Amino acid sequence: MATLSDPVAETSLGSLRGDLDASQSVCVFRGIRYGESPAKTGRFRAPQPAAGWEGIREAREFGAICPQSGKVGSYTVARKRLPQSEDCLFLNVWTPHLDGSRPVMVWLHGRGYAQGAGSEPLYDGAALSKRGDVVVVTINHRLNVFGYLHLAELGGDSYAGSGLAGMLDAELALRWVRDHISAFGGDPGNVTIFGESGGGLKVSTLLAMPSAHGLFHRAIIQSGPGIRALSARRATERAHKLIEHLALDDLAQLDEVPADQLREAAEKVSPRWEPVMDDHVLPLHPFDPTPAPTALEIPIMIGATRDETALFTLGDAKRGRLSDTELRERVQPMLGDRTDAAIAAFRESRPDASPWDLFIAITSQRFFYGSVLLAERQSAATDTPIWLYVFDYAKASPIGAAHGLEIAYAFGNAGAARRGDPEVAQVEADMCGAWASFAHHGNPNHVGIPEWAPYDSKARSTMLFDAPSHVEADPRRLERLAFEGLQLGRS
């Protein structure tokens, strides 16, 4: 008999044995295969569902991650190096109990479209599962060239959707959730997708994919508003360059290139491989010029952190000591002929800010402006509510409320690292409660935070998660106006 300490989930594919997370008293199942190996079934093709099995399969170790460079590739979990393989279609589940029918929260990891894994320690779902009474799912999927090499124009129908293979993996994971999550105490009729940075972009893309419609019911976009997708023309140009770089005579030879060689070549050809608007899987930009029709029924929560780019400038030689001239030189490529007016607006909004502080504020505003733009387009197109927030807790780190720092608060993991800090505990309770409430009810309001109204272009109601959290109408209005009309996204 399965017990909390020795949980066994009975799915229609077979039985899975997980573990007990003793710190939170929740069940955790790791490394569940949701798709067959893409290397076996075909690189750049649509993924195939996992096959069933006999007996009880162990689900106590995380699965392989997609081949990638960077520090995630050498990350350790429980002192074990995460293996890299094209055979990477695995997911993980945290649940308070195998019985019941709880909301399901499916996390799309960050680090752009090039790196990352659902098994990174930052995304441990135990605390959110316990505190929110939800089932948390994290996934691995194809990334970089393996997930987003667009070959449809070069190879025809057999490569349809190749420029979105990583997103088709995420869709397949959602189909697995629909078919099997009830065995883990989850409700397949109440699924929230959420993600940060590249994960927010993935959430935005799923909102625009007709084939994913109906597989999820709410969406949270954290520091990753996806307005536009890459054009098929530019994606095909990148594919041409890769084939030329590899000196291939035939497209079919791509299947034979060793994974590391293929990834390294792709990184030399282009720093970015990303979803492609292809008239097949993604027929429209997610939110340009208006929201895709499939997004209109979905309640959305979206926001950014106050000091997003502080994270990306830690190694900057001029950190903390920028001159006014250097400030202008750095932001001019982004702002063009509105540079001087924008700097003046930010100076008026933040009269005590140094040139470095203004640099962080101006470059960070791009994330928030994208969130505002998405919220405005969504609220203008539908009565389905959308809520806007800012993670504004300056004490989150020595560099402020930087990119990605809200993740630990939303997952309920921030307090574990800063025990005894009542402010951290309060911000964590506010955010974790809002994320869980949104998953339960499609509305982030809960006891402990002030009344938070959905966003519209008149009131511009925005939650600032801080100590204490509070709601403002059009916060930092001058900064928003300085960015109004700025072109965002790819072409």
Protein backbone atom coordinates (compact mmCIF):
# COMPACT_ATOMS: atom_id res chain seq x y z
CA MET A 1 0.00 0.00 0.00
CA ALA A 2 1.30 3.46 -0.91
CA THR A 3 1.91 5.83 1.99
CA LEU A 4 3.02 9.43 2.33
CA SER A 5 6.53 8.20 3.14
CA ASP A 6 6.53 5.74 0.22
CA PRO A 7 4.21 7.34 -2.37
CA VAL A 8 3.23 5.37 -5.46
CA ALA A 9 1.15 7.10 -8.14
CA GLU A 10 -0.94 4.88 -10.40
CA THR A 11 -1.10 6.47 -13.87
CA SER A 12 -2.60 4.93 -16.99
CA LEU A 13 0.96 4.44 -18.31
CA GLY A 14 2.18 2.62 -15.23
CA SER A 15 3.08 3.07 -11.56
CA LEU A 16 5.61 5.60 -10.27
CA ARG A 17 7.34 5.57 -6.89
CA GLY A 18 8.39 8.93 -5.48
CA ASP A 19 9.80 10.27 -2.22
CA LEU A 20 8.64 12.24 0.79
CA ASP A 21 10.06 15.75 1.12
CA ALA A 22 10.34 15.68 4.89
CA SER A 23 10.91 19.43 5.21
CA GLN A 24 7.43 20.17 3.85
CA SER A 25 5.69 16.80 4.21
CA VAL A 26 4.85 16.67 0.52
CA CYS A 27 5.37 13.92 -2.05
CA VAL A 28 7.88 14.53 -4.81
CA PHE A 29 8.27 12.57 -8.04
CA ARG A 30 11.37 13.34 -10.12
CA GLY A 31 12.41 12.50 -13.64
CA ILE A 32 9.05 11.37 -15.01
CA ARG A 33 9.31 10.76 -18.74
CA TYR A 34 6.55 12.57 -20.63
CA GLY A 35 7.99 12.14 -24.13
CA GLU A 36 10.16 9.68 -26.00
CA SER A 37 13.73 10.67 -26.75
CA PRO A 38 13.78 13.28 -29.54
CA ALA A 39 17.12 11.85 -30.64
CA LYS A 40 15.41 8.53 -31.27
CA THR A 41 12.20 9.86 -32.82
CA GLY A 42 13.82 12.60 -34.85
CA ARG A 43 15.70 15.81 -34.17
CA PHE A 44 13.70 18.97 -34.88
CA ARG A 45 10.45 16.99 -35.20
CA ALA A 46 7.37 17.10 -33.00
CA PRO A 47 7.81 15.10 -29.79
CA GLN A 48 6.11 11.77 -29.27
CA PRO A 49 4.29 10.79 -26.02
CA ALA A 50 6.00 8.49 -23.58
CA ALA A 51 5.17 4.79 -23.80
CA GLY A 52 3.78 2.79 -20.91
CA TRP A 53 5.63 0.24 -18.78
CA GLU A 54 5.10 -2.75 -16.52
CA GLY A 55 5.63 -2.76 -12.78
CA ILE A 56 6.69 0.20 -10.65
CA ARG A 57 9.11 2.73 -12.13
CA GLU A 58 11.30 4.70 -9.73
CA ALA A 59 10.80 8.48 -9.89
CA ARG A 60 13.41 9.59 -7.38
CA GLU A 61 16.14 11.11 -9.58
CA PHE A 62 15.93 14.14 -11.84
CA GLY A 63 16.09 13.46 -15.58
CA ALA A 64 18.67 14.68 -18.07
CA ILE A 65 18.70 18.29 -19.24
CA CYS A 66 18.94 19.50 -22.83
CA PRO A 67 22.52 19.99 -24.08
CA GLN A 68 23.63 23.52 -23.24
CA SER A 69 26.56 25.69 -22.30
CA GLY A 70 26.80 27.87 -19.19
CA LYS A 71 26.69 27.15 -15.51
CA VAL A 72 23.45 25.12 -15.48
CA GLY A 73 25.29 22.46 -17.47
CA SER A 74 27.61 21.93 -14.53
CA TYR A 75 24.98 22.47 -11.82
CA THR A 76 24.83 19.88 -9.06
CA VAL A 77 21.76 18.56 -7.32
CA ALA A 78 22.44 16.43 -4.26
CA ARG A 79 26.12 16.52 -5.32
CA LYS A 80 25.38 14.91 -8.66
CA ARG A 81 26.12 16.60 -11.97
CA LEU A 82 23.00 16.98 -14.08
CA PRO A 83 23.51 14.83 -17.19
CA GLN A 84 23.00 16.45 -20.59
CA SER A 85 21.22 14.60 -23.36
CA GLU A 86 18.83 15.14 -26.21
CA ASP A 87 16.76 12.56 -24.33
CA CYS A 88 15.52 15.29 -21.96
CA LEU A 89 11.72 15.20 -21.94
CA PHE A 90 11.22 14.77 -18.20
CA LEU A 91 9.07 16.47 -15.59
CA ASN A 92 8.86 16.63 -11.80
CA VAL A 93 5.82 16.75 -9.51
CA TRP A 94 5.33 18.01 -5.94
CA THR A 95 1.98 17.29 -4.29
CA PRO A 96 0.57 17.49 -0.75
CA HIS A 97 -1.20 14.16 -1.24
CA LEU A 98 -2.08 11.74 -4.01
CA ASP A 99 -5.76 12.01 -3.17
CA GLY A 100 -7.95 15.02 -3.94
CA SER A 101 -8.24 17.43 -6.85
CA ARG A 102 -5.98 20.45 -6.36
CA PRO A 103 -5.03 23.27 -8.73
CA VAL A 104 -1.97 22.46 -10.83
CA MET A 105 0.86 24.94 -11.42
CA VAL A 106 3.20 24.10 -14.32
CA TRP A 107 6.49 26.01 -14.24
CA LEU A 108 8.41 26.99 -17.40
CA HIS A 109 12.02 27.62 -16.41
CA GLY A 110 14.05 30.69 -17.32
CA ARG A 111 17.52 31.39 -18.75
CA GLY A 112 16.16 32.41 -22.11
CA TYR A 113 15.57 29.71 -24.67
CA ALA A 114 19.18 28.51 -24.49
CA GLN A 115 19.76 27.14 -21.00
CA GLY A 116 18.08 25.99 -17.81
CA ALA A 117 16.19 23.05 -16.37
CA GLY A 118 13.10 22.45 -14.28
CA SER A 119 15.29 20.57 -11.81
CA GLU A 120 17.36 23.59 -10.72
CA PRO A 121 17.24 24.03 -6.93
CA LEU A 122 15.72 27.50 -7.36
CA TYR A 123 12.53 25.86 -8.63
CA ASP A 124 11.98 23.40 -5.79
CA GLY A 125 8.20 23.20 -5.57
CA ALA A 126 7.79 21.70 -2.09
CA ALA A 127 7.04 24.90 -0.15
CA LEU A 128 4.64 26.30 -2.77
CA SER A 129 2.84 22.95 -2.94
CA LYS A 130 2.46 22.76 0.84
CA ARG A 131 1.61 26.41 1.55
CA GLY A 132 -0.63 26.85 -1.46
CA ASP A 133 -2.28 23.40 -1.42
CA VAL A 134 -1.41 23.01 -5.10
CA VAL A 135 0.34 20.44 -7.29
CA VAL A 136 3.56 21.92 -8.74
CA VAL A 137 5.06 20.59 -11.98
CA THR A 138 8.42 21.63 -13.48
CA ILE A 139 9.62 20.45 -16.88
CA ASN A 140 12.71 19.99 -19.02
CA HIS A 141 12.40 20.47 -22.76
CA ARG A 142 14.50 21.07 -25.86
CA LEU A 143 16.44 24.34 -25.90
CA ASN A 144 18.68 26.41 -28.19
CA VAL A 145 19.27 24.86 -31.61
CA PHE A 146 17.58 21.59 -30.61
CA GLY A 147 14.35 23.41 -29.80
CA TYR A 148 14.24 26.32 -32.22
CA LEU A 149 16.02 25.60 -35.50
CA HIS A 150 13.47 26.56 -38.16
CA LEU A 151 13.77 24.21 -41.14
CA ALA A 152 10.26 24.29 -42.58
CA GLU A 153 11.21 26.50 -45.54
CA LEU A 154 14.23 24.32 -46.32
CA GLY A 155 12.90 20.83 -45.59
CA GLY A 156 9.16 21.01 -46.15
CA ASP A 157 6.38 19.36 -44.17
CA SER A 158 8.61 16.85 -42.41
CA TYR A 159 10.13 19.79 -40.52
CA ALA A 160 6.87 21.62 -39.83
CA GLY A 161 7.06 23.14 -36.35
CA SER A 162 10.83 22.63 -36.03
CA GLY A 163 11.26 26.28 -35.09
CA LEU A 164 9.02 25.64 -32.08
CA ALA A 165 10.04 22.11 -31.13
CA GLY A 166 10.82 23.25 -27.57
CA MET A 167 7.35 24.76 -27.25
CA LEU A 168 5.79 21.59 -28.67
CA ASP A 169 7.62 19.75 -25.90
CA ALA A 170 5.98 22.06 -23.34
CA GLU A 171 2.62 21.41 -25.00
CA LEU A 172 3.22 17.66 -24.76
CA ALA A 173 4.03 18.07 -21.06
CA LEU A 174 0.70 19.86 -20.63
CA ARG A 175 -1.03 16.97 -22.39
CA TRP A 176 0.66 14.62 -19.93
CA VAL A 177 -0.69 16.79 -17.10
CA ARG A 178 -4.18 16.64 -18.59
CA ASP A 179 -4.06 12.85 -18.85
CA HIS A 180 -2.19 11.85 -15.69
CA ILE A 181 -2.07 14.58 -13.04
CA SER A 182 -5.20 13.28 -11.30
CA ALA A 183 -3.06 10.35 -10.12
CA PHE A 184 -1.03 12.91 -8.14
CA GLY A 185 -4.00 14.70 -6.57
CA GLY A 186 -4.21 17.37 -9.27
CA ASP A 187 -7.18 18.78 -11.16
CA PRO A 188 -6.58 18.69 -14.95
CA GLY A 189 -9.41 21.20 -15.33
CA ASN A 190 -7.55 23.85 -13.32
CA VAL A 191 -4.02 24.30 -14.67
CA THR A 192 -1.93 27.47 -14.36
CA ILE A 193 1.22 27.91 -16.44
CA PHE A 194 3.83 30.25 -15.01
CA GLY A 195 7.41 31.18 -15.73
CA GLU A 196 10.10 33.82 -15.29
CA SER A 197 12.36 35.53 -17.85
CA GLY A 198 12.65 33.01 -20.72
CA GLY A 199 9.91 31.08 -18.93
CA GLY A 200 7.65 34.13 -19.13
CA LEU A 201 8.36 34.29 -22.86
CA LYS A 202 7.40 30.63 -23.12
CA VAL A 203 4.14 31.29 -21.27
CA SER A 204 3.44 34.14 -23.70
CA THR A 205 4.10 31.84 -26.65
CA LEU A 206 1.85 29.06 -25.30
CA LEU A 207 -0.94 31.62 -24.99
CA ALA A 208 -0.75 32.10 -28.78
CA MET A 209 -0.49 28.43 -29.83
CA PRO A 210 -3.86 27.08 -31.05
CA SER A 211 -2.78 23.48 -30.43
CA ALA A 212 -2.16 24.28 -26.74
CA HIS A 213 -5.55 25.91 -26.28
CA GLY A 214 -7.57 24.24 -23.54
CA LEU A 215 -4.57 22.59 -21.87
CA PHE A 216 -4.25 25.40 -19.31
CA HIS A 217 -6.65 27.88 -17.78
CA ARG A 218 -4.57 30.69 -16.24
CA ALA A 219 -1.14 32.20 -16.90
CA ILE A 220 1.52 34.08 -14.91
CA ILE A 221 4.26 35.94 -16.80
CA GLN A 222 7.23 37.01 -14.65
CA SER A 223 9.80 39.39 -16.18
CA GLY A 224 9.24 37.90 -19.60
CA PRO A 225 6.52 39.60 -21.66
CA GLY A 226 6.54 37.97 -25.09
CA ILE A 227 5.05 40.47 -27.53
CA ARG A 228 6.42 39.20 -30.85
CA ALA A 229 8.01 36.04 -32.21
CA LEU A 230 10.90 35.73 -34.64
CA SER A 231 9.92 35.93 -38.30
CA ALA A 232 10.25 32.84 -40.49
CA ARG A 233 12.46 34.85 -42.86
CA ARG A 234 15.07 35.66 -40.23
CA ALA A 235 14.86 32.16 -38.77
CA THR A 236 15.49 30.63 -42.21
CA GLU A 237 18.51 32.89 -42.68
CA ARG A 238 19.95 31.55 -39.42
CA ALA A 239 19.31 27.98 -40.52
CA HIS A 240 21.13 28.63 -43.82
CA LYS A 241 24.13 30.03 -41.94
CA LEU A 242 24.26 27.01 -39.64
CA ILE A 243 24.18 24.54 -42.52
CA GLU A 244 26.92 26.50 -44.30
CA HIS A 245 28.99 26.65 -41.12
CA LEU A 246 28.75 22.87 -40.74
CA ALA A 247 29.54 22.41 -44.47
CA LEU A 248 26.62 20.03 -44.97
CA ASP A 249 25.53 18.92 -48.43
CA ASP A 250 22.14 17.57 -47.38
CA LEU A 251 19.64 18.68 -44.75
CA ALA A 252 19.29 15.10 -43.54
CA GLN A 253 22.92 15.21 -42.43
CA LEU A 254 21.86 17.44 -39.53
CA ASP A 255 20.53 14.34 -37.82
CA GLU A 256 24.04 12.84 -37.77
CA VAL A 257 25.97 15.78 -36.32
CA PRO A 258 27.05 15.03 -32.72
CA ALA A 259 25.02 17.02 -30.22
CA ASP A 260 27.95 18.99 -28.78
CA GLN A 261 29.25 19.86 -32.23
CA LEU A 262 25.79 21.01 -33.33
CA ARG A 263 25.29 23.16 -30.24
CA GLU A 264 28.73 24.75 -30.48
CA ALA A 265 28.24 25.54 -34.16
CA ALA A 266 24.83 27.07 -33.49
CA GLU A 267 26.29 29.29 -30.74
CA LYS A 268 28.85 30.62 -33.22
CA VAL A 269 26.19 31.33 -35.84
CA SER A 270 23.72 33.10 -33.54
CA PRO A 271 23.53 33.96 -29.83
CA ARG A 272 19.76 33.42 -29.89
CA TRP A 273 17.51 30.58 -31.00
CA GLU A 274 13.88 31.29 -30.24
CA PRO A 275 10.26 30.54 -31.25
CA VAL A 276 9.33 31.29 -34.83
CA MET A 277 6.01 32.52 -36.20
CA ASP A 278 5.57 29.76 -38.75
CA ASP A 279 1.91 29.65 -39.92
CA HIS A 280 1.75 26.14 -38.48
CA VAL A 281 2.27 26.02 -34.72
CA LEU A 282 2.41 29.77 -34.07
CA PRO A 283 0.36 31.56 -36.74
CA LEU A 284 0.34 34.96 -35.00
CA HIS A 285 2.57 37.05 -32.76
CA PRO A 286 1.46 36.50 -29.17
CA PHE A 287 0.50 40.12 -28.44
CA ASP A 288 1.19 42.21 -31.54
CA PRO A 289 -0.64 44.18 -32.75
CA THR A 290 -3.35 42.64 -30.55
CA PRO A 291 -3.50 39.51 -28.40
CA ALA A 292 -3.78 36.20 -30.19
CA PRO A 293 -7.40 34.93 -30.02
CA THR A 294 -6.37 31.95 -27.89
CA ALA A 295 -5.13 34.33 -25.15
CA LEU A 296 -8.41 36.20 -24.73
CA GLU A 297 -10.13 33.71 -22.42
CA ILE A 298 -7.17 33.27 -20.05
CA PRO A 299 -6.82 35.30 -16.81
CA ILE A 300 -3.26 36.58 -16.65
CA MET A 301 -0.98 37.95 -13.95
CA ILE A 302 2.09 39.77 -15.26
CA GLY A 303 4.89 41.87 -13.85
CA ALA A 304 8.58 42.62 -13.45
CA THR A 305 11.14 43.42 -10.79
CA ARG A 306 12.13 46.99 -10.01
CA ASP A 307 15.88 46.54 -10.63
CA GLU A 308 15.90 43.89 -13.36
CA THR A 309 19.24 44.69 -14.98
CA ALA A 310 21.19 44.98 -11.72
CA LEU A 311 21.76 41.24 -12.06
CA PHE A 312 23.29 41.53 -15.53
CA THR A 313 25.74 44.29 -14.58
CA LEU A 314 27.45 42.66 -11.59
CA GLY A 315 30.72 42.43 -13.50
CA ASP A 316 30.49 45.88 -15.07
CA ALA A 317 33.80 47.76 -14.67
CA LYS A 318 31.85 51.00 -14.21
CA ARG A 319 29.39 49.56 -11.70
CA GLY A 320 28.27 52.28 -9.30
CA ARG A 321 30.40 55.04 -10.85
CA LEU A 322 28.97 55.97 -14.21
CA SER A 323 29.23 59.56 -15.45
CA ASP A 324 26.36 61.50 -17.00
CA THR A 325 28.04 61.28 -20.40
CA GLU A 326 28.51 57.51 -20.07
CA LEU A 327 24.88 57.11 -18.99
CA ARG A 328 23.73 58.84 -22.16
CA GLU A 329 26.07 56.79 -24.35
CA ARG A 330 24.80 53.54 -22.87
CA VAL A 331 21.06 54.14 -23.15
CA GLN A 332 21.07 55.94 -26.52
CA PRO A 333 21.09 52.72 -28.61
CA MET A 334 17.88 51.64 -26.86
CA LEU A 335 16.13 55.02 -26.73
CA GLY A 336 17.30 56.74 -29.92
CA ASP A 337 16.08 60.29 -30.38
CA ARG A 338 14.11 60.19 -27.13
CA THR A 339 17.28 59.66 -25.04
CA ASP A 340 17.56 63.13 -23.50
CA ALA A 341 13.85 63.41 -22.75
CA ALA A 342 13.83 59.96 -21.16
CA ILE A 343 16.83 60.68 -18.94
CA ALA A 344 15.17 63.92 -17.85
CA ALA A 345 11.96 62.07 -17.01
CA PHE A 346 13.78 59.47 -14.93
CA ARG A 347 15.74 62.22 -13.14
CA GLU A 348 12.49 63.92 -12.23
CA SER A 349 11.02 60.63 -11.05
CA ARG A 350 14.14 59.75 -9.01
CA PRO A 351 15.77 63.08 -8.00
CA ASP A 352 18.33 61.45 -5.69
CA ALA A 353 19.47 58.78 -8.15
CA SER A 354 23.07 58.64 -9.34
CA PRO A 355 23.88 58.14 -13.05
CA TRP A 356 24.43 54.43 -12.30
CA ASP A 357 21.08 54.18 -10.52
CA LEU A 358 19.44 55.87 -13.51
CA PHE A 359 21.13 53.43 -15.86
CA ILE A 360 19.70 50.47 -13.93
CA ALA A 361 16.27 52.13 -13.77
CA ILE A 362 16.13 52.98 -17.47
CA THR A 363 17.35 49.61 -18.71
CA SER A 364 15.08 47.78 -16.26
CA GLN A 365 12.07 49.75 -17.44
CA ARG A 366 12.09 47.79 -20.69
CA PHE A 367 10.87 44.71 -18.80
CA PHE A 368 8.11 46.60 -17.02
CA TYR A 369 7.09 48.55 -20.10
CA GLY A 370 6.66 45.29 -21.98
CA SER A 371 4.44 44.04 -19.17
CA VAL A 372 2.38 47.24 -19.29
CA LEU A 373 2.08 47.03 -23.07
CA LEU A 374 0.89 43.42 -22.90
CA ALA A 375 -1.57 44.28 -20.11
CA GLU A 376 -2.97 47.23 -22.04
CA ARG A 377 -3.49 45.22 -25.21
CA GLN A 378 -5.08 42.35 -23.32
CA SER A 379 -7.40 44.56 -21.24
CA ALA A 380 -8.47 46.49 -24.36
CA ALA A 381 -9.33 43.30 -26.24
CA THR A 382 -11.23 41.30 -23.61
CA ASP A 383 -13.10 41.50 -20.33
CA THR A 384 -11.05 38.58 -19.01
CA PRO A 385 -9.02 40.15 -16.19
CA ILE A 386 -5.27 40.76 -16.12
CA TRP A 387 -3.34 41.85 -13.02
CA LEU A 388 -0.10 43.87 -13.10
CA TYR A 389 2.59 43.83 -10.39
CA VAL A 390 6.11 45.01 -9.56
CA PHE A 391 8.47 43.13 -7.25
CA ASP A 392 9.60 46.28 -5.45
CA TYR A 393 11.37 44.89 -2.39
CA ALA A 394 14.72 46.74 -2.46
CA LYS A 395 16.09 44.69 0.44
CA ALA A 396 15.77 41.47 -1.54
CA SER A 397 19.53 41.63 -2.14
CA PRO A 398 22.49 44.03 -1.94
CA ILE A 399 21.77 45.00 -5.55
CA GLY A 400 18.06 45.55 -4.99
CA ALA A 401 15.05 43.82 -6.49
CA ALA A 402 17.02 42.33 -9.37
CA HIS A 403 15.99 39.98 -12.17
CA GLY A 404 14.86 36.59 -10.92
CA LEU A 405 14.86 37.43 -7.22
CA GLU A 406 11.08 37.25 -6.98
CA ILE A 407 11.14 33.53 -7.82
CA ALA A 408 12.08 32.45 -4.31
CA TYR A 409 9.29 34.61 -2.86
CA ALA A 410 6.65 33.24 -5.23
CA PHE A 411 7.81 29.66 -4.55
CA GLY A 412 7.82 30.28 -0.80
CA ASN A 413 11.55 29.56 -0.55
CA ALA A 414 12.95 33.00 0.34
CA GLY A 415 12.50 32.69 4.09
CA ALA A 416 14.50 29.47 4.25
CA ALA A 417 17.67 31.42 3.42
CA ARG A 418 16.86 34.41 5.65
CA ARG A 419 15.25 32.89 8.72
CA GLY A 420 14.01 35.29 11.34
CA ASP A 421 13.59 38.28 9.02
CA PRO A 422 9.95 39.35 9.44
CA GLU A 423 10.00 41.53 6.32
CA VAL A 424 11.14 38.66 4.13
CA ALA A 425 8.47 36.44 5.69
CA GLN A 426 5.79 39.02 4.96
CA VAL A 427 6.78 39.65 1.33
CA GLU A 428 7.02 35.90 0.82
CA ALA A 429 3.56 35.35 2.32
CA ASP A 430 2.14 38.12 0.12
CA MET A 431 3.60 36.71 -3.09
CA CYS A 432 3.29 32.98 -2.46
CA GLY A 433 -0.29 33.60 -1.35
CA ALA A 434 -1.07 35.61 -4.49
CA TRP A 435 0.38 32.95 -6.80
CA ALA A 436 -1.54 30.18 -5.05
CA SER A 437 -4.77 32.18 -4.88
CA PHE A 438 -4.51 32.89 -8.59
CA ALA A 439 -4.11 29.18 -9.25
CA HIS A 440 -7.13 28.35 -7.09
CA HIS A 441 -9.51 31.10 -8.18
CA GLY A 442 -8.08 32.99 -11.16
CA ASN A 443 -7.72 36.00 -8.85
CA PRO A 444 -4.55 36.80 -6.84
CA ASN A 445 -6.34 38.58 -3.99
CA HIS A 446 -6.06 36.92 -0.59
CA VAL A 447 -6.17 37.82 3.07
CA GLY A 448 -3.01 39.73 3.92
CA ILE A 449 -2.68 41.98 0.87
CA PRO A 450 -4.64 45.15 0.03
CA GLU A 451 -7.43 44.94 -2.52
CA TRP A 452 -5.86 44.54 -5.95
CA ALA A 453 -8.03 45.42 -8.93
CA PRO A 454 -7.46 44.09 -12.45
CA TYR A 455 -5.48 46.34 -14.77
CA ASP A 456 -7.04 48.75 -17.24
CA SER A 457 -5.58 51.73 -19.11
CA LYS A 458 -7.58 54.23 -17.03
CA ALA A 459 -6.89 53.25 -13.42
CA ARG A 460 -3.62 51.36 -14.13
CA SER A 461 -3.91 49.53 -10.81
CA THR A 462 -0.57 47.89 -9.95
CA MET A 463 0.49 45.79 -6.95
CA LEU A 464 3.92 46.66 -5.56
CA PHE A 465 5.16 43.65 -3.59
CA ASP A 466 7.18 45.25 -0.83
CA ALA A 467 7.33 45.57 2.96
CA PRO A 468 4.51 46.41 3.18
CA SER A 469 2.94 45.54 -0.16
CA HIS A 470 0.62 48.19 -1.55
CA VAL A 471 -1.40 49.07 -4.64
CA GLU A 472 -0.68 52.19 -6.70
CA ALA A 473 -2.36 53.72 -9.71
CA ASP A 474 0.16 54.13 -12.53
CA PRO A 475 3.34 53.90 -10.43
CA ARG A 476 6.31 55.92 -11.74
CA ARG A 477 4.11 57.44 -14.42
CA LEU A 478 6.87 59.62 -15.90
CA GLU A 479 9.00 56.56 -16.53
CA ARG A 480 6.17 54.76 -18.28
CA LEU A 481 5.51 57.76 -20.51
CA ALA A 482 9.20 57.97 -21.41
CA PHE A 483 8.96 54.50 -22.95
CA GLU A 484 5.51 54.83 -24.51
CA GLY A 485 5.59 53.81 -28.17
CA LEU A 486 9.03 52.18 -27.98
CA GLN A 487 9.24 49.23 -30.35
CA LEU A 488 9.66 45.90 -28.51
CA GLY A 489 10.23 42.39 -29.75
CA ARG A 490 11.67 40.68 -32.77
CA SER A 491 10.81 40.96 -36.43
